[in-house]
Amino acid sequence: MPTVVFLNHNGTEAVRTEAKPLDALIDLCDHARSPVPFSCRSASCGTCRVVVVEGAADLEAPRDEELDVLDAFSVKAPKYRLACQARLGPSATTVQIRPVRDDE
């Protein structure tokens, strides 16, 4: 089973959770009570931007809608993703993410 590790803004571990392949990060955020903020689930606001610290290749490729929002914030996948859109890949092992800091 894949493991998703949610880090705090400062990079310390907040919580980790076991997942299933193809799970949506946003659902795992809810389940694990992660520190990732979000207010929508439709790739329109960008509050759920995360930095993929480890395991970017374990996530499915971003779709155009997600890429458009990331571009609006002048950040690029695979380092940055939207938790509301990103899903674990079919052979995911470990993914570590943290919320984007204000200075990024």
PDB file of N, CA and C in Angstrom:
ATOM      1  N   MET A   1       0.838  -1.186   0.000  1.00  0.00           N
ATOM      2  CA  MET A   1       0.000   0.000   0.000  1.00  0.00           C
ATOM      3  C   MET A   1       0.879   1.244   0.000  1.00  0.00           C
ATOM      4  N   PRO A   2       0.488   2.245  -0.760  1.00  0.00           N
ATOM      5  CA  PRO A   2       1.234   3.502  -0.742  1.00  0.00           C
ATOM      6  C   PRO A   2       1.093   4.221   0.596  1.00  0.00           C
ATOM      7  N   THR A   3       2.092   5.024   0.905  1.00  0.00           N
ATOM      8  CA  THR A   3       2.078   5.872   2.092  1.00  0.00           C
ATOM      9  C   THR A   3       2.177   7.321   1.639  1.00  0.00           C
ATOM     10  N   VAL A   4       1.337   8.169   2.202  1.00  0.00           N
ATOM     11  CA  VAL A   4       1.419   9.603   1.940  1.00  0.00           C
ATOM     12  C   VAL A   4       1.796  10.273   3.254  1.00  0.00           C
ATOM     13  N   VAL A   5       2.876  11.046   3.206  1.00  0.00           N
ATOM     14  CA  VAL A   5       3.373  11.758   4.379  1.00  0.00           C
ATOM     15  C   VAL A   5       3.085  13.240   4.160  1.00  0.00           C
ATOM     16  N   PHE A   6       2.330  13.817   5.064  1.00  0.00           N
ATOM     17  CA  PHE A   6       2.021  15.240   5.026  1.00  0.00           C
ATOM     18  C   PHE A   6       2.971  15.953   5.971  1.00  0.00           C
ATOM     19  N   LEU A   7       3.671  16.935   5.439  1.00  0.00           N
ATOM     20  CA  LEU A   7       4.608  17.714   6.226  1.00  0.00           C
ATOM     21  C   LEU A   7       3.992  19.062   6.571  1.00  0.00           C
ATOM     22  N   ASN A   8       4.455  19.640   7.675  1.00  0.00           N
ATOM     23  CA  ASN A   8       4.078  21.005   8.018  1.00  0.00           C
ATOM     24  C   ASN A   8       4.829  21.965   7.100  1.00  0.00           C
ATOM     25  N   HIS A   9       4.484  23.249   7.160  1.00  0.00           N
ATOM     26  CA  HIS A   9       5.170  24.252   6.347  1.00  0.00           C
ATOM     27  C   HIS A   9       6.681  24.225   6.540  1.00  0.00           C
ATOM     28  N   ASN A  10       7.129  23.905   7.757  1.00  0.00           N
ATOM     29  CA  ASN A  10       8.564  23.920   8.052  1.00  0.00           C
ATOM     30  C   ASN A  10       9.258  22.604   7.689  1.00  0.00           C
ATOM     31  N   GLY A  11       8.539  21.656   7.139  1.00  0.00           N
ATOM     32  CA  GLY A  11       9.133  20.404   6.702  1.00  0.00           C
ATOM     33  C   GLY A  11       9.111  19.276   7.712  1.00  0.00           C
ATOM     34  N   THR A  12       8.607  19.529   8.916  1.00  0.00           N
ATOM     35  CA  THR A  12       8.493  18.452   9.898  1.00  0.00           C
ATOM     36  C   THR A  12       7.246  17.624   9.596  1.00  0.00           C
ATOM     37  N   GLU A  13       7.308  16.357   9.952  1.00  0.00           N
ATOM     38  CA  GLU A  13       6.178  15.480   9.668  1.00  0.00           C
ATOM     39  C   GLU A  13       4.979  15.844  10.530  1.00  0.00           C
ATOM     40  N   ALA A  14       3.837  15.993   9.878  1.00  0.00           N
ATOM     41  CA  ALA A  14       2.578  16.277  10.576  1.00  0.00           C
ATOM     42  C   ALA A  14       1.793  14.994  10.782  1.00  0.00           C
ATOM     43  N   VAL A  15       1.615  14.246   9.713  1.00  0.00           N
ATOM     44  CA  VAL A  15       0.820  13.022   9.768  1.00  0.00           C
ATOM     45  C   VAL A  15       1.153  12.176   8.548  1.00  0.00           C
ATOM     46  N   ARG A  16       1.001  10.882   8.697  1.00  0.00           N
ATOM     47  CA  ARG A  16       1.148   9.978   7.555  1.00  0.00           C
ATOM     48  C   ARG A  16      -0.060   9.065   7.501  1.00  0.00           C
ATOM     49  N   THR A  17      -0.374   8.621   6.305  1.00  0.00           N
ATOM     50  CA  THR A  17      -1.535   7.758   6.138  1.00  0.00           C
ATOM     51  C   THR A  17      -1.275   6.734   5.046  1.00  0.00           C
ATOM     52  N   GLU A  18      -1.862   5.597   5.218  1.00  0.00           N
ATOM     53  CA  GLU A  18      -1.822   4.572   4.181  1.00  0.00           C
ATOM     54  C   GLU A  18      -2.899   4.908   3.161  1.00  0.00           C
ATOM     55  N   ALA A  19      -2.648   4.578   1.921  1.00  0.00           N
ATOM     56  CA  ALA A  19      -3.576   4.911   0.851  1.00  0.00           C
ATOM     57  C   ALA A  19      -3.717   3.731  -0.093  1.00  0.00           C
ATOM     58  N   LYS A  20      -4.563   3.929  -1.073  1.00  0.00           N
ATOM     59  CA  LYS A  20      -4.716   2.945  -2.142  1.00  0.00           C
ATOM     60  C   LYS A  20      -4.269   3.595  -3.443  1.00  0.00           C
ATOM     61  N   PRO A  21      -3.763   2.812  -4.376  1.00  0.00           N
ATOM     62  CA  PRO A  21      -3.437   3.392  -5.673  1.00  0.00           C
ATOM     63  C   PRO A  21      -4.657   4.133  -6.237  1.00  0.00           C
ATOM     64  N   LEU A  22      -4.396   5.252  -6.880  1.00  0.00           N
ATOM     65  CA  LEU A  22      -5.398   6.117  -7.520  1.00  0.00           C
ATOM     66  C   LEU A  22      -6.208   6.953  -6.540  1.00  0.00           C
ATOM     67  N   ASP A  23      -5.894   6.898  -5.236  1.00  0.00           N
ATOM     68  CA  ASP A  23      -6.571   7.779  -4.279  1.00  0.00           C
ATOM     69  C   ASP A  23      -6.262   9.236  -4.614  1.00  0.00           C
ATOM     70  N   ALA A  24      -7.241  10.098  -4.414  1.00  0.00           N
ATOM     71  CA  ALA A  24      -7.063  11.533  -4.599  1.00  0.00           C
ATOM     72  C   ALA A  24      -6.409  12.124  -3.348  1.00  0.00           C
ATOM     73  N   LEU A  25      -5.426  12.994  -3.543  1.00  0.00           N
ATOM     74  CA  LEU A  25      -4.760  13.603  -2.390  1.00  0.00           C
ATOM     75  C   LEU A  25      -5.738  14.361  -1.503  1.00  0.00           C
ATOM     76  N   ILE A  26      -6.711  15.029  -2.089  1.00  0.00           N
ATOM     77  CA  ILE A  26      -7.651  15.820  -1.297  1.00  0.00           C
ATOM     78  C   ILE A  26      -8.445  14.934  -0.334  1.00  0.00           C
ATOM     79  N   ASP A  27      -8.802  13.739  -0.769  1.00  0.00           N
ATOM     80  CA  ASP A  27      -9.514  12.817   0.118  1.00  0.00           C
ATOM     81  C   ASP A  27      -8.609  12.355   1.249  1.00  0.00           C
ATOM     82  N   LEU A  28      -7.340  12.152   0.944  1.00  0.00           N
ATOM     83  CA  LEU A  28      -6.381  11.763   1.975  1.00  0.00           C
ATOM     84  C   LEU A  28      -6.139  12.910   2.946  1.00  0.00           C
ATOM     85  N   CYS A  29      -6.168  14.147   2.441  1.00  0.00           N
ATOM     86  CA  CYS A  29      -6.055  15.324   3.324  1.00  0.00           C
ATOM     87  C   CYS A  29      -7.186  15.322   4.342  1.00  0.00           C
ATOM     88  N   ASP A  30      -8.395  15.073   3.875  1.00  0.00           N
ATOM     89  CA  ASP A  30      -9.560  15.005   4.772  1.00  0.00           C
ATOM     90  C   ASP A  30      -9.397  13.887   5.793  1.00  0.00           C
ATOM     91  N   HIS A  31      -9.100  12.715   5.292  1.00  0.00           N
ATOM     92  CA  HIS A  31      -9.012  11.516   6.133  1.00  0.00           C
ATOM     93  C   HIS A  31      -7.941  11.662   7.221  1.00  0.00           C
ATOM     94  N   ALA A  32      -6.783  12.208   6.833  1.00  0.00           N
ATOM     95  CA  ALA A  32      -5.652  12.280   7.760  1.00  0.00           C
ATOM     96  C   ALA A  32      -5.618  13.581   8.561  1.00  0.00           C
ATOM     97  N   ARG A  33      -6.535  14.496   8.260  1.00  0.00           N
ATOM     98  CA  ARG A  33      -6.527  15.819   8.902  1.00  0.00           C
ATOM     99  C   ARG A  33      -5.166  16.488   8.717  1.00  0.00           C
ATOM    100  N   SER A  34      -4.772  16.559   7.478  1.00  0.00           N
ATOM    101  CA  SER A  34      -3.468  17.105   7.130  1.00  0.00           C
ATOM    102  C   SER A  34      -3.437  18.630   7.246  1.00  0.00           C
ATOM    103  N   PRO A  35      -2.241  19.215   7.221  1.00  0.00           N
ATOM    104  CA  PRO A  35      -2.116  20.673   7.292  1.00  0.00           C
ATOM    105  C   PRO A  35      -2.315  21.372   5.953  1.00  0.00           C
ATOM    106  N   VAL A  36      -2.746  20.656   4.920  1.00  0.00           N
ATOM    107  CA  VAL A  36      -2.945  21.263   3.604  1.00  0.00           C
ATOM    108  C   VAL A  36      -4.280  22.011   3.598  1.00  0.00           C
ATOM    109  N   PRO A  37      -4.243  23.330   3.367  1.00  0.00           N
ATOM    110  CA  PRO A  37      -5.493  24.095   3.337  1.00  0.00           C
ATOM    111  C   PRO A  37      -6.192  23.944   1.988  1.00  0.00           C
ATOM    112  N   PHE A  38      -7.490  23.997   2.001  1.00  0.00           N
ATOM    113  CA  PHE A  38      -8.234  24.009   0.746  1.00  0.00           C
ATOM    114  C   PHE A  38      -9.641  24.520   1.015  1.00  0.00           C
ATOM    115  N   SER A  39     -10.208  25.116  -0.022  1.00  0.00           N
ATOM    116  CA  SER A  39     -11.572  25.599   0.118  1.00  0.00           C
ATOM    117  C   SER A  39     -12.426  25.204  -1.072  1.00  0.00           C
ATOM    118  N   CYS A  40     -11.823  24.611  -2.065  1.00  0.00           N
ATOM    119  CA  CYS A  40     -12.604  24.128  -3.205  1.00  0.00           C
ATOM    120  C   CYS A  40     -12.111  22.728  -3.549  1.00  0.00           C
ATOM    121  N   ARG A  41     -12.745  22.129  -4.486  1.00  0.00           N
ATOM    122  CA  ARG A  41     -12.329  20.810  -4.954  1.00  0.00           C
ATOM    123  C   ARG A  41     -12.377  20.745  -6.478  1.00  0.00           C
ATOM    124  N   SER A  42     -12.254  21.908  -7.104  1.00  0.00           N
ATOM    125  CA  SER A  42     -12.459  21.932  -8.551  1.00  0.00           C
ATOM    126  C   SER A  42     -11.351  22.640  -9.324  1.00  0.00           C
ATOM    127  N   ALA A  43     -10.184  22.769  -8.745  1.00  0.00           N
ATOM    128  CA  ALA A  43      -9.032  23.385  -9.417  1.00  0.00           C
ATOM    129  C   ALA A  43      -9.318  24.800  -9.878  1.00  0.00           C
ATOM    130  N   SER A  44      -9.979  25.575  -9.034  1.00  0.00           N
ATOM    131  CA  SER A  44     -10.257  26.947  -9.437  1.00  0.00           C
ATOM    132  C   SER A  44      -9.638  27.991  -8.525  1.00  0.00           C
ATOM    133  N   CYS A  45      -9.211  27.623  -7.308  1.00  0.00           N
ATOM    134  CA  CYS A  45      -8.728  28.671  -6.405  1.00  0.00           C
ATOM    135  C   CYS A  45      -7.245  28.565  -6.081  1.00  0.00           C
ATOM    136  N   GLY A  46      -6.674  27.384  -6.051  1.00  0.00           N
ATOM    137  CA  GLY A  46      -5.255  27.223  -5.797  1.00  0.00           C
ATOM    138  C   GLY A  46      -4.831  27.197  -4.344  1.00  0.00           C
ATOM    139  N   THR A  47      -5.771  27.244  -3.398  1.00  0.00           N
ATOM    140  CA  THR A  47      -5.375  27.230  -1.983  1.00  0.00           C
ATOM    141  C   THR A  47      -4.725  25.925  -1.569  1.00  0.00           C
ATOM    142  N   CYS A  48      -4.969  24.873  -2.308  1.00  0.00           N
ATOM    143  CA  CYS A  48      -4.434  23.557  -1.929  1.00  0.00           C
ATOM    144  C   CYS A  48      -3.114  23.246  -2.637  1.00  0.00           C
ATOM    145  N   ARG A  49      -2.387  24.288  -3.090  1.00  0.00           N
ATOM    146  CA  ARG A  49      -1.089  24.043  -3.717  1.00  0.00           C
ATOM    147  C   ARG A  49      -0.162  23.372  -2.715  1.00  0.00           C
ATOM    148  N   VAL A  50       0.536  22.364  -3.196  1.00  0.00           N
ATOM    149  CA  VAL A  50       1.491  21.655  -2.360  1.00  0.00           C
ATOM    150  C   VAL A  50       2.813  21.518  -3.100  1.00  0.00           C
ATOM    151  N   VAL A  51       3.866  21.354  -2.317  1.00  0.00           N
ATOM    152  CA  VAL A  51       5.182  21.023  -2.848  1.00  0.00           C
ATOM    153  C   VAL A  51       5.344  19.520  -2.688  1.00  0.00           C
ATOM    154  N   VAL A  52       5.706  18.857  -3.757  1.00  0.00           N
ATOM    155  CA  VAL A  52       5.973  17.424  -3.689  1.00  0.00           C
ATOM    156  C   VAL A  52       7.447  17.273  -3.318  1.00  0.00           C
ATOM    157  N   VAL A  53       7.689  16.896  -2.074  1.00  0.00           N
ATOM    158  CA  VAL A  53       9.051  16.771  -1.548  1.00  0.00           C
ATOM    159  C   VAL A  53       9.676  15.462  -2.015  1.00  0.00           C
ATOM    160  N   GLU A  54       8.860  14.433  -2.098  1.00  0.00           N
ATOM    161  CA  GLU A  54       9.338  13.107  -2.523  1.00  0.00           C
ATOM    162  C   GLU A  54       8.195  12.393  -3.223  1.00  0.00           C
ATOM    163  N   GLY A  55       8.511  11.667  -4.281  1.00  0.00           N
ATOM    164  CA  GLY A  55       7.533  10.806  -4.915  1.00  0.00           C
ATOM    165  C   GLY A  55       6.710  11.439  -6.017  1.00  0.00           C
ATOM    166  N   ALA A  56       7.207  12.477  -6.653  1.00  0.00           N
ATOM    167  CA  ALA A  56       6.453  13.119  -7.740  1.00  0.00           C
ATOM    168  C   ALA A  56       6.103  12.112  -8.840  1.00  0.00           C
ATOM    169  N   ALA A  57       6.995  11.176  -9.090  1.00  0.00           N
ATOM    170  CA  ALA A  57       6.744  10.169 -10.125  1.00  0.00           C
ATOM    171  C   ALA A  57       5.653   9.182  -9.708  1.00  0.00           C
ATOM    172  N   ASP A  58       5.315   9.160  -8.416  1.00  0.00           N
ATOM    173  CA  ASP A  58       4.260   8.269  -7.922  1.00  0.00           C
ATOM    174  C   ASP A  58       2.866   8.882  -8.046  1.00  0.00           C
ATOM    175  N   LEU A  59       2.789  10.086  -8.589  1.00  0.00           N
ATOM    176  CA  LEU A  59       1.493  10.726  -8.814  1.00  0.00           C
ATOM    177  C   LEU A  59       1.143  10.637 -10.296  1.00  0.00           C
ATOM    178  N   GLU A  60      -0.151  10.568 -10.598  1.00  0.00           N
ATOM    179  CA  GLU A  60      -0.569  10.610 -11.992  1.00  0.00           C
ATOM    180  C   GLU A  60      -0.186  11.961 -12.581  1.00  0.00           C
ATOM    181  N   ALA A  61       0.000  12.009 -13.865  1.00  0.00           N
ATOM    182  CA  ALA A  61       0.349  13.258 -14.541  1.00  0.00           C
ATOM    183  C   ALA A  61      -0.777  14.274 -14.374  1.00  0.00           C
ATOM    184  N   PRO A  62      -0.432  15.550 -14.218  1.00  0.00           N
ATOM    185  CA  PRO A  62      -1.472  16.571 -14.071  1.00  0.00           C
ATOM    186  C   PRO A  62      -2.246  16.771 -15.368  1.00  0.00           C
ATOM    187  N   ARG A  63      -3.514  17.095 -15.230  1.00  0.00           N
ATOM    188  CA  ARG A  63      -4.360  17.391 -16.390  1.00  0.00           C
ATOM    189  C   ARG A  63      -4.255  18.885 -16.712  1.00  0.00           C
ATOM    190  N   ASP A  64      -4.768  19.261 -17.862  1.00  0.00           N
ATOM    191  CA  ASP A  64      -4.676  20.647 -18.323  1.00  0.00           C
ATOM    192  C   ASP A  64      -5.257  21.640 -17.324  1.00  0.00           C
ATOM    193  N   GLU A  65      -6.383  21.312 -16.724  1.00  0.00           N
ATOM    194  CA  GLU A  65      -7.026  22.220 -15.768  1.00  0.00           C
ATOM    195  C   GLU A  65      -6.088  22.542 -14.599  1.00  0.00           C
ATOM    196  N   GLU A  66      -5.431  21.518 -14.070  1.00  0.00           N
ATOM    197  CA  GLU A  66      -4.490  21.719 -12.972  1.00  0.00           C
ATOM    198  C   GLU A  66      -3.289  22.538 -13.435  1.00  0.00           C
ATOM    199  N   LEU A  67      -2.769  22.228 -14.607  1.00  0.00           N
ATOM    200  CA  LEU A  67      -1.619  22.955 -15.137  1.00  0.00           C
ATOM    201  C   LEU A  67      -1.934  24.439 -15.335  1.00  0.00           C
ATOM    202  N   ASP A  68      -3.158  24.744 -15.751  1.00  0.00           N
ATOM    203  CA  ASP A  68      -3.574  26.144 -15.936  1.00  0.00           C
ATOM    204  C   ASP A  68      -3.528  26.908 -14.617  1.00  0.00           C
ATOM    205  N   VAL A  69      -4.009  26.284 -13.534  1.00  0.00           N
ATOM    206  CA  VAL A  69      -4.005  26.953 -12.228  1.00  0.00           C
ATOM    207  C   VAL A  69      -2.576  27.104 -11.723  1.00  0.00           C
ATOM    208  N   LEU A  70      -1.765  26.077 -11.861  1.00  0.00           N
ATOM    209  CA  LEU A  70      -0.366  26.179 -11.440  1.00  0.00           C
ATOM    210  C   LEU A  70       0.344  27.294 -12.207  1.00  0.00           C
ATOM    211  N   ASP A  71       0.059  27.386 -13.489  1.00  0.00           N
ATOM    212  CA  ASP A  71       0.667  28.425 -14.314  1.00  0.00           C
ATOM    213  C   ASP A  71       0.262  29.819 -13.826  1.00  0.00           C
ATOM    214  N   ALA A  72      -0.976  29.973 -13.383  1.00  0.00           N
ATOM    215  CA  ALA A  72      -1.442  31.262 -12.861  1.00  0.00           C
ATOM    216  C   ALA A  72      -0.652  31.683 -11.621  1.00  0.00           C
ATOM    217  N   PHE A  73      -0.117  30.724 -10.885  1.00  0.00           N
ATOM    218  CA  PHE A  73       0.701  31.006  -9.702  1.00  0.00           C
ATOM    219  C   PHE A  73       2.199  30.973 -10.024  1.00  0.00           C
ATOM    220  N   SER A  74       2.519  30.838 -11.298  1.00  0.00           N
ATOM    221  CA  SER A  74       3.911  30.805 -11.776  1.00  0.00           C
ATOM    222  C   SER A  74       4.726  29.680 -11.152  1.00  0.00           C
ATOM    223  N   VAL A  75       4.092  28.525 -10.972  1.00  0.00           N
ATOM    224  CA  VAL A  75       4.781  27.325 -10.492  1.00  0.00           C
ATOM    225  C   VAL A  75       4.504  26.185 -11.464  1.00  0.00           C
ATOM    226  N   LYS A  76       5.354  25.184 -11.437  1.00  0.00           N
ATOM    227  CA  LYS A  76       5.254  24.100 -12.409  1.00  0.00           C
ATOM    228  C   LYS A  76       5.223  22.736 -11.737  1.00  0.00           C
ATOM    229  N   ALA A  77       4.466  21.821 -12.345  1.00  0.00           N
ATOM    230  CA  ALA A  77       4.523  20.414 -11.971  1.00  0.00           C
ATOM    231  C   ALA A  77       5.847  19.879 -12.529  1.00  0.00           C
ATOM    232  N   PRO A  78       6.446  18.883 -11.967  1.00  0.00           N
ATOM    233  CA  PRO A  78       5.935  17.995 -10.935  1.00  0.00           C
ATOM    234  C   PRO A  78       6.236  18.443  -9.510  1.00  0.00           C
ATOM    235  N   LYS A  79       7.046  19.522  -9.342  1.00  0.00           N
ATOM    236  CA  LYS A  79       7.372  19.946  -7.976  1.00  0.00           C
ATOM    237  C   LYS A  79       6.145  20.479  -7.246  1.00  0.00           C
ATOM    238  N   TYR A  80       5.280  21.181  -7.942  1.00  0.00           N
ATOM    239  CA  TYR A  80       4.065  21.741  -7.351  1.00  0.00           C
ATOM    240  C   TYR A  80       2.851  21.040  -7.921  1.00  0.00           C
ATOM    241  N   ARG A  81       1.882  20.784  -7.068  1.00  0.00           N
ATOM    242  CA  ARG A  81       0.631  20.159  -7.501  1.00  0.00           C
ATOM    243  C   ARG A  81      -0.527  20.771  -6.727  1.00  0.00           C
ATOM    244  N   LEU A  82      -1.738  20.515  -7.198  1.00  0.00           N
ATOM    245  CA  LEU A  82      -2.952  20.889  -6.485  1.00  0.00           C
ATOM    246  C   LEU A  82      -3.490  19.629  -5.827  1.00  0.00           C
ATOM    247  N   ALA A  83      -3.653  19.669  -4.520  1.00  0.00           N
ATOM    248  CA  ALA A  83      -4.147  18.482  -3.812  1.00  0.00           C
ATOM    249  C   ALA A  83      -5.551  18.104  -4.266  1.00  0.00           C
ATOM    250  N   CYS A  84      -6.321  19.092  -4.733  1.00  0.00           N
ATOM    251  CA  CYS A  84      -7.692  18.784  -5.162  1.00  0.00           C
ATOM    252  C   CYS A  84      -7.719  18.022  -6.486  1.00  0.00           C
ATOM    253  N   GLN A  85      -6.610  18.003  -7.199  1.00  0.00           N
ATOM    254  CA  GLN A  85      -6.569  17.351  -8.510  1.00  0.00           C
ATOM    255  C   GLN A  85      -5.624  16.158  -8.580  1.00  0.00           C
ATOM    256  N   ALA A  86      -4.581  16.140  -7.783  1.00  0.00           N
ATOM    257  CA  ALA A  86      -3.553  15.099  -7.871  1.00  0.00           C
ATOM    258  C   ALA A  86      -4.065  13.770  -7.321  1.00  0.00           C
ATOM    259  N   ARG A  87      -3.697  12.721  -8.003  1.00  0.00           N
ATOM    260  CA  ARG A  87      -4.035  11.358  -7.590  1.00  0.00           C
ATOM    261  C   ARG A  87      -2.769  10.512  -7.565  1.00  0.00           C
ATOM    262  N   LEU A  88      -2.764   9.547  -6.661  1.00  0.00           N
ATOM    263  CA  LEU A  88      -1.669   8.579  -6.639  1.00  0.00           C
ATOM    264  C   LEU A  88      -1.706   7.756  -7.914  1.00  0.00           C
ATOM    265  N   GLY A  89      -0.554   7.377  -8.385  1.00  0.00           N
ATOM    266  CA  GLY A  89      -0.476   6.519  -9.553  1.00  0.00           C
ATOM    267  C   GLY A  89      -0.752   5.073  -9.187  1.00  0.00           C
ATOM    268  N   PRO A  90      -0.892   4.225 -10.179  1.00  0.00           N
ATOM    269  CA  PRO A  90      -1.238   2.822  -9.925  1.00  0.00           C
ATOM    270  C   PRO A  90      -0.167   2.029  -9.193  1.00  0.00           C
ATOM    271  N   SER A  91       1.093   2.473  -9.262  1.00  0.00           N
ATOM    272  CA  SER A  91       2.166   1.750  -8.575  1.00  0.00           C
ATOM    273  C   SER A  91       2.869   2.639  -7.550  1.00  0.00           C
ATOM    274  N   ALA A  92       2.154   3.575  -6.985  1.00  0.00           N
ATOM    275  CA  ALA A  92       2.726   4.501  -6.006  1.00  0.00           C
ATOM    276  C   ALA A  92       3.247   3.765  -4.785  1.00  0.00           C
ATOM    277  N   THR A  93       4.326   4.306  -4.209  1.00  0.00           N
ATOM    278  CA  THR A  93       4.878   3.741  -2.981  1.00  0.00           C
ATOM    279  C   THR A  93       4.822   4.766  -1.856  1.00  0.00           C
ATOM    280  N   THR A  94       5.646   5.823  -1.954  1.00  0.00           N
ATOM    281  CA  THR A  94       5.664   6.851  -0.915  1.00  0.00           C
ATOM    282  C   THR A  94       5.662   8.231  -1.555  1.00  0.00           C
ATOM    283  N   VAL A  95       4.790   9.076  -1.051  1.00  0.00           N
ATOM    284  CA  VAL A  95       4.719  10.467  -1.499  1.00  0.00           C
ATOM    285  C   VAL A  95       4.773  11.348  -0.264  1.00  0.00           C
ATOM    286  N   GLN A  96       5.623  12.372  -0.315  1.00  0.00           N
ATOM    287  CA  GLN A  96       5.704  13.357   0.769  1.00  0.00           C
ATOM    288  C   GLN A  96       5.327  14.704   0.190  1.00  0.00           C
ATOM    289  N   ILE A  97       4.387  15.394   0.848  1.00  0.00           N
ATOM    290  CA  ILE A  97       3.982  16.713   0.384  1.00  0.00           C
ATOM    291  C   ILE A  97       3.897  17.671   1.565  1.00  0.00           C
ATOM    292  N   ARG A  98       4.023  18.949   1.242  1.00  0.00           N
ATOM    293  CA  ARG A  98       3.820  19.987   2.258  1.00  0.00           C
ATOM    294  C   ARG A  98       3.096  21.150   1.601  1.00  0.00           C
ATOM    295  N   PRO A  99       2.359  21.927   2.397  1.00  0.00           N
ATOM    296  CA  PRO A  99       1.700  23.104   1.842  1.00  0.00           C
ATOM    297  C   PRO A  99       2.736  24.114   1.326  1.00  0.00           C
ATOM    298  N   VAL A 100       2.351  24.877   0.341  1.00  0.00           N
ATOM    299  CA  VAL A 100       3.207  25.937  -0.160  1.00  0.00           C
ATOM    300  C   VAL A 100       3.278  27.048   0.884  1.00  0.00           C
ATOM    301  N   ARG A 101       4.476  27.558   1.126  1.00  0.00           N
ATOM    302  CA  ARG A 101       4.657  28.674   2.054  1.00  0.00           C
ATOM    303  C   ARG A 101       4.373  29.994   1.343  1.00  0.00           C
ATOM    304  N   ASP A 102       4.058  31.010   2.103  1.00  0.00           N
ATOM    305  CA  ASP A 102       3.752  32.326   1.545  1.00  0.00           C
ATOM    306  C   ASP A 102       4.926  32.905   0.755  1.00  0.00           C
ATOM    307  N   ASP A 103       6.142  32.528   1.114  1.00  0.00           N
ATOM    308  CA  ASP A 103       7.321  33.093   0.447  1.00  0.00           C
ATOM    309  C   ASP A 103       7.736  32.326  -0.806  1.00  0.00           C
ATOM    310  N   GLU A 104       6.938  31.365  -1.208  1.00  0.00           N
ATOM    311  CA  GLU A 104       7.273  30.575  -2.411  1.00  0.00           C
ATOM    312  C   GLU A 104       6.475  31.064  -3.597  1.00  0.00           C
TER     313      GLU A 104
END
